[in-house]
Amino acid sequence: MIKLYTAPTPNGRKISIALEEMGLAYEAILVNIGKDEQFAPDFLKISPNNKIPAITDNTADGDFSLFESGAILIYLARKSGKLLPPEGTDDYWRVMEWLMWQMGGLGPMLGQAHHFLKYNQGKSDYAETRYHTEAKRLYGVLDKHLEGRAFIVDKMTIADIAIWPWASRYEWHQINLNDFPNVKRWYMALAQRPAFQRGYSVPVDAGPVPLPNP
């Protein structure tokens, strides 16, 4: 049984969606980041950076713990044999590059957009402009890549699962998905998948998946 320590954030939802799509048994444990539970000593033992998500897995070699969402996605894909092309193939490296794009660019920049555009409006015009501009640029990069593609690579992979939960907060980024039709098409297709809908509601039901206007 995998134990998933998580919260209703894009990084947390990556893992619950992946677990649902892979059909792996798991128990979700809420880490209330609003109450600083991520700084609890017991959580620090499995997540030294005090961030969700983290997992523990009871394996033949004993309990195994892992933090950082990108690493967890790769681990789960290899464990399940799903959502990751064979290692060393061109498609494998396409998945890796877009996973790293999300981890190193999309996630951190949109996280800053959340901070200034949603939670701290009016405190810094410079920051709001900077991160809104970067959010639009990143959506543009994704939109261009998805032209003529149903998924990030030929089939759905952990790259799609890594990126989609961040796009689900498009309203927080002050983004109109109608301005990015390829992203909207891809986003809507994944939003209709039952596993995405189930994973989105872990560890607490935060309401339905956000859907853009027609």
Protein backbone atom coordinates (compact mmCIF):
# COMPACT_ATOMS: atom_id res chain seq x y z
CA MET A 1 0.00 0.00 0.00
CA ILE A 2 1.31 3.42 -0.98
CA LYS A 3 0.69 6.26 1.45
CA LEU A 4 0.37 9.63 -0.24
CA TYR A 5 0.97 12.69 1.91
CA THR A 6 -0.68 15.50 0.04
CA ALA A 7 -2.83 18.62 -0.11
CA PRO A 8 -5.23 20.04 -2.73
CA THR A 9 -2.56 21.81 -4.77
CA PRO A 10 -1.30 21.27 -8.33
CA ASN A 11 1.75 19.34 -7.13
CA GLY A 12 -0.34 17.17 -4.85
CA ARG A 13 -2.92 16.47 -7.54
CA LYS A 14 -0.25 15.26 -9.94
CA ILE A 15 0.31 12.23 -7.75
CA SER A 16 -3.30 11.39 -6.91
CA ILE A 17 -4.23 11.63 -10.61
CA ALA A 18 -1.28 9.41 -11.55
CA LEU A 19 -2.21 6.83 -8.92
CA GLU A 20 -5.79 6.80 -10.18
CA GLU A 21 -4.73 6.45 -13.83
CA MET A 22 -2.25 3.69 -12.96
CA GLY A 23 -4.71 1.79 -10.80
CA LEU A 24 -2.31 1.58 -7.86
CA ALA A 25 -3.76 1.11 -4.37
CA TYR A 26 -3.04 4.03 -2.08
CA GLU A 27 -4.11 5.84 1.05
CA ALA A 28 -4.25 9.64 0.92
CA ILE A 29 -3.20 11.52 4.04
CA LEU A 30 -3.98 15.23 4.23
CA VAL A 31 -1.09 17.48 5.20
CA ASN A 32 -2.77 20.75 6.18
CA ILE A 33 -0.29 23.32 4.88
CA GLY A 34 -2.54 26.10 6.18
CA LYS A 35 -1.75 24.84 9.67
CA ASP A 36 1.98 24.29 8.94
CA GLU A 37 1.66 20.51 9.26
CA GLN A 38 4.37 20.20 6.60
CA PHE A 39 6.86 21.27 9.28
CA ALA A 40 5.96 18.44 11.66
CA PRO A 41 8.99 16.28 12.61
CA ASP A 42 7.33 13.07 11.40
CA PHE A 43 6.67 14.60 7.98
CA LEU A 44 10.23 15.96 7.82
CA LYS A 45 11.50 12.38 7.99
CA ILE A 46 9.94 11.56 4.62
CA SER A 47 10.04 15.02 3.04
CA PRO A 48 13.23 16.85 4.11
CA ASN A 49 12.20 19.95 2.12
CA ASN A 50 8.93 20.27 4.08
CA LYS A 51 6.88 20.17 0.89
CA ILE A 52 4.03 18.02 -0.35
CA PRO A 53 3.65 15.62 -2.01
CA ALA A 54 5.58 12.73 -0.54
CA ILE A 55 4.95 9.00 -0.52
CA THR A 56 5.90 5.93 1.43
CA ASP A 57 5.74 2.52 -0.19
CA ASN A 58 5.94 -0.81 1.58
CA THR A 59 8.20 -2.84 -0.70
CA ALA A 60 9.89 -6.22 -0.41
CA ASP A 61 12.96 -4.39 0.85
CA GLY A 62 11.02 -2.49 3.51
CA ASP A 63 9.46 0.93 3.74
CA PHE A 64 10.62 3.33 1.06
CA SER A 65 9.94 7.07 1.10
CA LEU A 66 10.21 9.61 -1.68
CA PHE A 67 9.58 13.34 -2.05
CA GLU A 68 9.46 15.77 -5.03
CA SER A 69 6.56 15.27 -7.41
CA GLY A 70 8.64 14.68 -10.53
CA ALA A 71 10.63 11.91 -8.88
CA ILE A 72 7.44 10.36 -7.53
CA LEU A 73 5.83 10.36 -10.97
CA ILE A 74 8.81 8.55 -12.48
CA TYR A 75 8.86 6.04 -9.60
CA LEU A 76 5.16 5.28 -9.94
CA ALA A 77 5.38 4.97 -13.72
CA ARG A 78 8.18 2.44 -13.41
CA LYS A 79 6.42 0.60 -10.60
CA SER A 80 3.18 0.30 -12.57
CA GLY A 81 4.69 -0.04 -16.03
CA LYS A 82 2.31 2.66 -17.23
CA LEU A 83 2.43 6.22 -18.61
CA LEU A 84 6.15 6.24 -19.42
CA PRO A 85 7.67 4.98 -22.69
CA PRO A 86 10.54 2.49 -22.55
CA GLU A 87 13.71 4.02 -21.14
CA GLY A 88 16.15 5.30 -23.73
CA THR A 89 13.61 5.71 -26.54
CA ASP A 90 13.01 9.06 -28.20
CA ASP A 91 9.55 9.25 -26.62
CA TYR A 92 11.04 8.59 -23.18
CA TRP A 93 13.28 11.64 -23.55
CA ARG A 94 10.39 13.72 -24.91
CA VAL A 95 8.51 12.91 -21.71
CA MET A 96 11.55 13.77 -19.60
CA GLU A 97 12.09 17.14 -21.26
CA TRP A 98 8.47 18.22 -20.78
CA LEU A 99 8.42 16.90 -17.22
CA MET A 100 11.51 18.99 -16.50
CA TRP A 101 9.89 21.96 -18.26
CA GLN A 102 7.02 21.71 -15.84
CA MET A 103 9.23 21.20 -12.79
CA GLY A 104 11.72 23.93 -13.64
CA GLY A 105 9.56 26.50 -15.41
CA LEU A 106 5.80 26.14 -15.49
CA GLY A 107 5.33 25.19 -11.84
CA PRO A 108 7.65 27.75 -10.23
CA MET A 109 6.51 30.62 -12.45
CA LEU A 110 2.81 29.88 -12.07
CA GLY A 111 3.36 29.50 -8.35
CA GLN A 112 4.66 33.06 -8.30
CA ALA A 113 1.66 34.12 -10.38
CA HIS A 114 -0.59 32.60 -7.69
CA HIS A 115 1.27 34.54 -5.02
CA PHE A 116 1.00 37.94 -6.64
CA LEU A 117 -2.07 37.73 -8.90
CA LYS A 118 -4.42 35.90 -6.55
CA TYR A 119 -3.21 36.34 -2.97
CA ASN A 120 -1.37 39.66 -3.01
CA GLN A 121 -3.05 41.80 -5.64
CA GLY A 122 -2.06 45.46 -5.52
CA LYS A 123 1.14 44.95 -3.52
CA SER A 124 3.53 45.00 -6.47
CA ASP A 125 2.57 46.10 -9.97
CA TYR A 126 5.99 45.03 -11.18
CA ALA A 127 5.62 41.48 -9.85
CA GLU A 128 2.07 41.13 -11.14
CA THR A 129 3.13 42.22 -14.63
CA ARG A 130 6.26 40.07 -14.58
CA TYR A 131 4.54 36.82 -13.60
CA HIS A 132 1.41 37.38 -15.66
CA THR A 133 3.59 38.00 -18.71
CA GLU A 134 5.58 34.86 -18.00
CA ALA A 135 2.40 32.84 -17.44
CA LYS A 136 1.10 33.90 -20.86
CA ARG A 137 4.45 33.06 -22.46
CA LEU A 138 4.44 29.56 -20.94
CA TYR A 139 0.86 28.92 -22.00
CA GLY A 140 1.96 30.00 -25.48
CA VAL A 141 4.85 27.52 -25.46
CA LEU A 142 2.47 24.74 -24.49
CA ASP A 143 -0.14 25.82 -27.04
CA LYS A 144 2.38 25.75 -29.86
CA HIS A 145 3.65 22.32 -28.84
CA LEU A 146 0.12 20.87 -28.68
CA GLU A 147 -0.79 21.98 -32.20
CA GLY A 148 -1.75 18.78 -34.02
CA ARG A 149 -1.14 16.66 -30.91
CA ALA A 150 -3.65 15.03 -28.58
CA PHE A 151 -1.07 14.73 -25.79
CA ILE A 152 2.37 16.05 -24.89
CA VAL A 153 3.87 12.96 -26.56
CA ASP A 154 1.99 10.54 -28.85
CA LYS A 155 0.16 8.89 -25.95
CA MET A 156 -0.80 10.20 -22.53
CA THR A 157 2.11 10.07 -20.11
CA ILE A 158 3.26 11.45 -16.78
CA ALA A 159 4.19 14.64 -18.66
CA ASP A 160 0.49 15.36 -19.24
CA ILE A 161 -0.29 14.52 -15.63
CA ALA A 162 2.46 16.85 -14.39
CA ILE A 163 1.29 19.82 -16.46
CA TRP A 164 -2.50 19.51 -16.32
CA PRO A 165 -3.07 20.35 -12.61
CA TRP A 166 -1.21 23.63 -13.07
CA ALA A 167 -3.34 24.49 -16.09
CA SER A 168 -6.44 23.73 -13.99
CA ARG A 169 -5.74 26.98 -12.14
CA TYR A 170 -5.90 29.07 -15.30
CA GLU A 171 -8.25 31.51 -13.56
CA TRP A 172 -5.63 32.13 -10.87
CA HIS A 173 -3.20 33.01 -13.67
CA GLN A 174 -5.73 35.40 -15.24
CA ILE A 175 -5.58 33.29 -18.38
CA ASN A 176 -8.44 32.89 -20.84
CA LEU A 177 -8.03 29.41 -22.30
CA ASN A 178 -9.88 30.54 -25.41
CA ASP A 179 -6.69 32.46 -26.24
CA PHE A 180 -4.83 29.14 -26.28
CA PRO A 181 -7.10 26.78 -28.24
CA ASN A 182 -4.71 23.83 -28.33
CA VAL A 183 -4.21 23.98 -24.57
CA LYS A 184 -7.97 24.25 -24.09
CA ARG A 185 -8.66 21.22 -26.28
CA TRP A 186 -6.04 19.14 -24.44
CA TYR A 187 -7.17 20.39 -21.04
CA MET A 188 -10.83 19.58 -21.69
CA ALA A 189 -10.05 16.09 -23.00
CA LEU A 190 -8.13 15.22 -19.83
CA ALA A 191 -10.68 16.90 -17.58
CA GLN A 192 -13.29 14.43 -18.84
CA ARG A 193 -11.28 11.38 -17.77
CA PRO A 194 -12.76 9.74 -14.64
CA ALA A 195 -9.31 9.17 -13.12
CA PHE A 196 -8.48 12.86 -13.45
CA GLN A 197 -11.76 13.78 -11.81
CA ARG A 198 -11.18 11.35 -8.93
CA GLY A 199 -7.58 12.43 -8.46
CA TYR A 200 -8.54 16.10 -8.50
CA SER A 201 -10.72 15.51 -5.42
CA VAL A 202 -7.91 13.98 -3.34
CA PRO A 203 -7.32 14.42 -0.41
CA VAL A 204 -10.42 16.63 0.00
CA ASP A 205 -13.25 17.50 -2.34
CA ALA A 206 -12.53 21.02 -3.58
CA GLY A 207 -15.47 21.06 -5.97
CA PRO A 208 -15.67 20.11 -9.65
CA VAL A 209 -12.79 20.43 -12.05
CA PRO A 210 -12.72 24.03 -13.37
CA LEU A 211 -14.01 24.26 -16.92
CA PRO A 212 -13.53 27.28 -19.19
CA ASN A 213 -16.34 29.08 -20.93
CA PRO A 214 -17.22 27.79 -24.41
